[in-house]
Amino acid sequence: MTKILLLSDTHSHIDDTILKYVKQADEVWHAGDIGDLKVTDTIKTLKPLKAVYGNIDDHKARLEFPEHNRFTCEEVDVWITHIGGYPNKYNIRVEEAIHNNPPDLFICGHSHILKVMPDKKLNLIHMNPGAIGKHGFHPVRTMLRFEIDKKEIKNLEVIELKK
């Protein structure tokens, strides 16, 4: 079983509360708009990190992280990208690939809106953890944590922090 902390849209912000949750996870996944790489550098000192760059990220982040990160966690096929859209409204950048080879778990950020929803047509789960940074229109900062146990995604929890 692997405990995952999923975050996005840090926009250069990292604090002790976020780090408390990082320490409780086995792995941290970041769905882009990192901002300053001190965010990911700090996380990497504590836990394994899988991340992608977002539209606000500079050339340094784009050299360190891919636009798309597809990997297997336990027995779950995971695809993380920053701008991915939602079931029935996937972004043009991913639309063909997601229909031709859908993952089990599709993760994106960008919207600053927390959503977890199934795509019944493609038989996948879509997750967007919202935004944990302080920059943006979101009234509450959010992250997700969950467990992957072989093929099962379970114990999903929304973490809300004041802005």
Protein backbone atom coordinates (compact mmCIF):
# COMPACT_ATOMS: atom_id res chain seq x y z
CA MET A 1 0.00 0.00 0.00
CA THR A 2 1.27 3.46 -0.97
CA LYS A 3 0.09 6.67 0.70
CA ILE A 4 -0.07 9.55 -1.78
CA LEU A 5 -0.25 13.30 -1.18
CA LEU A 6 -1.47 15.04 -4.33
CA LEU A 7 -1.02 18.76 -4.76
CA SER A 8 -0.97 21.35 -7.50
CA ASP A 9 -0.63 25.04 -8.14
CA THR A 10 1.72 25.85 -5.28
CA HIS A 11 2.81 29.01 -7.14
CA SER A 12 6.08 29.14 -5.12
CA HIS A 13 4.34 28.59 -1.77
CA ILE A 14 5.40 25.92 0.72
CA ASP A 15 4.79 26.08 4.46
CA ASP A 16 4.99 23.96 7.61
CA THR A 17 1.36 22.81 7.32
CA ILE A 18 1.91 21.46 3.81
CA LEU A 19 5.15 19.83 4.97
CA LYS A 20 3.31 18.14 7.85
CA TYR A 21 1.19 16.31 5.28
CA VAL A 22 4.23 15.63 3.06
CA LYS A 23 5.87 13.80 5.99
CA GLN A 24 2.79 11.58 6.43
CA ALA A 25 2.85 10.39 2.79
CA ASP A 26 4.93 7.71 1.12
CA GLU A 27 5.07 9.72 -2.13
CA VAL A 28 4.13 13.26 -3.17
CA TRP A 29 2.71 14.00 -6.61
CA HIS A 30 2.62 17.59 -7.93
CA ALA A 31 0.39 18.45 -10.90
CA GLY A 32 2.22 21.60 -12.01
CA ASP A 33 2.49 25.35 -11.52
CA ILE A 34 5.27 24.76 -9.06
CA GLY A 35 6.65 28.28 -9.24
CA ASP A 36 9.96 28.48 -7.39
CA LEU A 37 11.81 25.14 -7.41
CA LYS A 38 12.45 25.57 -3.68
CA VAL A 39 8.98 24.00 -3.35
CA THR A 40 9.93 20.74 -5.06
CA ASP A 41 13.48 20.80 -3.67
CA THR A 42 12.05 20.96 -0.14
CA ILE A 43 9.60 18.14 -0.80
CA LYS A 44 12.33 15.96 -2.34
CA THR A 45 14.40 16.20 0.85
CA LEU A 46 11.52 14.51 2.68
CA LYS A 47 9.75 12.13 0.27
CA PRO A 48 9.91 10.77 -3.28
CA LEU A 49 8.32 13.23 -5.70
CA LYS A 50 6.67 12.82 -9.08
CA ALA A 51 5.80 16.10 -10.78
CA VAL A 52 5.07 17.92 -14.02
CA TYR A 53 5.61 21.53 -15.00
CA GLY A 54 2.72 23.91 -15.45
CA ASN A 55 2.05 26.94 -17.60
CA ILE A 56 3.60 29.40 -15.11
CA ASP A 57 6.78 27.36 -14.65
CA ASP A 58 10.04 28.67 -16.07
CA HIS A 59 12.75 26.95 -18.11
CA LYS A 60 14.41 25.52 -14.97
CA ALA A 61 11.23 23.65 -13.98
CA ARG A 62 10.72 22.54 -17.59
CA LEU A 63 14.23 21.08 -17.64
CA GLU A 64 13.65 19.19 -14.39
CA PHE A 65 10.08 17.98 -14.88
CA PRO A 66 8.13 16.74 -17.94
CA GLU A 67 4.86 18.09 -19.30
CA HIS A 68 3.34 14.62 -18.93
CA ASN A 69 4.35 12.02 -16.36
CA ARG A 70 2.95 8.54 -16.90
CA PHE A 71 3.94 5.77 -14.53
CA THR A 72 2.64 2.82 -12.55
CA CYS A 73 2.06 2.97 -8.80
CA GLU A 74 1.49 -0.51 -7.49
CA GLU A 75 -0.90 -1.80 -10.20
CA VAL A 76 -2.47 1.56 -11.11
CA ASP A 77 -1.56 3.27 -14.40
CA VAL A 78 -1.22 6.99 -13.56
CA TRP A 79 -0.97 9.97 -15.90
CA ILE A 80 -0.23 13.44 -14.50
CA THR A 81 -0.27 16.61 -16.60
CA HIS A 82 -1.02 20.21 -15.70
CA ILE A 83 -3.61 21.18 -18.30
CA GLY A 84 -5.74 18.13 -19.00
CA GLY A 85 -9.38 19.09 -18.83
CA TYR A 86 -12.13 16.87 -17.47
CA PRO A 87 -14.17 13.85 -18.57
CA ASN A 88 -16.06 14.75 -21.76
CA LYS A 89 -14.03 18.01 -21.95
CA TYR A 90 -10.41 16.88 -22.23
CA ASN A 91 -7.86 19.40 -23.43
CA ILE A 92 -6.81 19.08 -27.05
CA ARG A 93 -3.24 18.29 -25.87
CA VAL A 94 -4.38 15.00 -24.32
CA GLU A 95 -7.66 14.15 -26.02
CA GLU A 96 -6.43 11.71 -28.64
CA ALA A 97 -3.92 9.97 -26.36
CA ILE A 98 -6.36 9.57 -23.47
CA HIS A 99 -8.97 8.03 -25.75
CA ASN A 100 -6.46 5.70 -27.42
CA ASN A 101 -4.73 4.60 -24.20
CA PRO A 102 -6.61 5.70 -21.07
CA PRO A 103 -4.85 5.42 -17.70
CA ASP A 104 -6.59 4.16 -14.57
CA LEU A 105 -5.99 7.53 -12.85
CA PHE A 106 -5.78 10.84 -14.73
CA ILE A 107 -4.52 13.82 -12.71
CA CYS A 108 -4.30 17.46 -13.67
CA GLY A 109 -4.19 20.88 -12.02
CA HIS A 110 -4.48 24.36 -13.56
CA SER A 111 -8.12 25.22 -12.78
CA HIS A 112 -7.62 25.72 -9.02
CA ILE A 113 -10.89 23.80 -8.67
CA LEU A 114 -10.85 20.55 -6.71
CA LYS A 115 -12.64 17.76 -8.57
CA VAL A 116 -12.66 13.99 -8.30
CA MET A 117 -14.89 12.25 -10.80
CA PRO A 118 -15.17 9.06 -12.80
CA ASP A 119 -15.01 8.91 -16.55
CA LYS A 120 -17.33 5.99 -17.15
CA LYS A 121 -16.69 5.97 -20.92
CA LEU A 122 -12.93 5.56 -20.49
CA ASN A 123 -13.13 3.65 -17.19
CA LEU A 124 -10.81 5.98 -15.32
CA ILE A 125 -10.80 8.24 -12.28
CA HIS A 126 -10.05 11.92 -12.81
CA MET A 127 -8.50 13.96 -9.99
CA ASN A 128 -7.67 17.64 -9.69
CA PRO A 129 -6.46 18.55 -6.18
CA GLY A 130 -7.33 22.23 -6.59
CA ALA A 131 -4.65 24.73 -5.53
CA ILE A 132 -2.55 24.70 -2.37
CA GLY A 133 -0.71 27.96 -3.10
CA LYS A 134 -1.83 31.39 -1.97
CA HIS A 135 -1.91 32.92 -5.48
CA GLY A 136 -5.19 32.71 -7.38
CA PHE A 137 -8.93 33.13 -7.00
CA HIS A 138 -9.59 30.00 -4.92
CA PRO A 139 -11.09 30.83 -1.49
CA VAL A 140 -9.76 27.65 0.16
CA ARG A 141 -6.41 25.95 -0.44
CA THR A 142 -6.81 22.22 -1.08
CA MET A 143 -4.82 19.00 -1.47
CA LEU A 144 -5.83 15.36 -1.76
CA ARG A 145 -4.47 12.32 -0.07
CA PHE A 146 -5.32 8.72 -0.77
CA GLU A 147 -3.92 5.22 -0.78
CA ILE A 148 -3.18 2.88 -3.62
CA ASP A 149 -3.38 -0.78 -2.67
CA LYS A 150 -2.51 -2.95 -5.65
CA LYS A 151 -5.24 -1.93 -8.16
CA GLU A 152 -7.48 -0.14 -5.65
CA ILE A 153 -7.57 3.62 -5.00
CA LYS A 154 -9.03 4.11 -1.54
CA ASN A 155 -9.36 6.30 1.55
CA LEU A 156 -9.53 9.51 -0.47
CA GLU A 157 -9.40 12.58 1.73
CA VAL A 158 -9.72 16.29 0.95
CA ILE A 159 -7.39 18.53 2.95
CA GLU A 160 -8.54 22.14 3.21
CA LEU A 161 -6.38 25.00 4.47
CA LYS A 162 -7.30 28.63 5.01
CA LYS A 163 -6.03 31.09 2.46
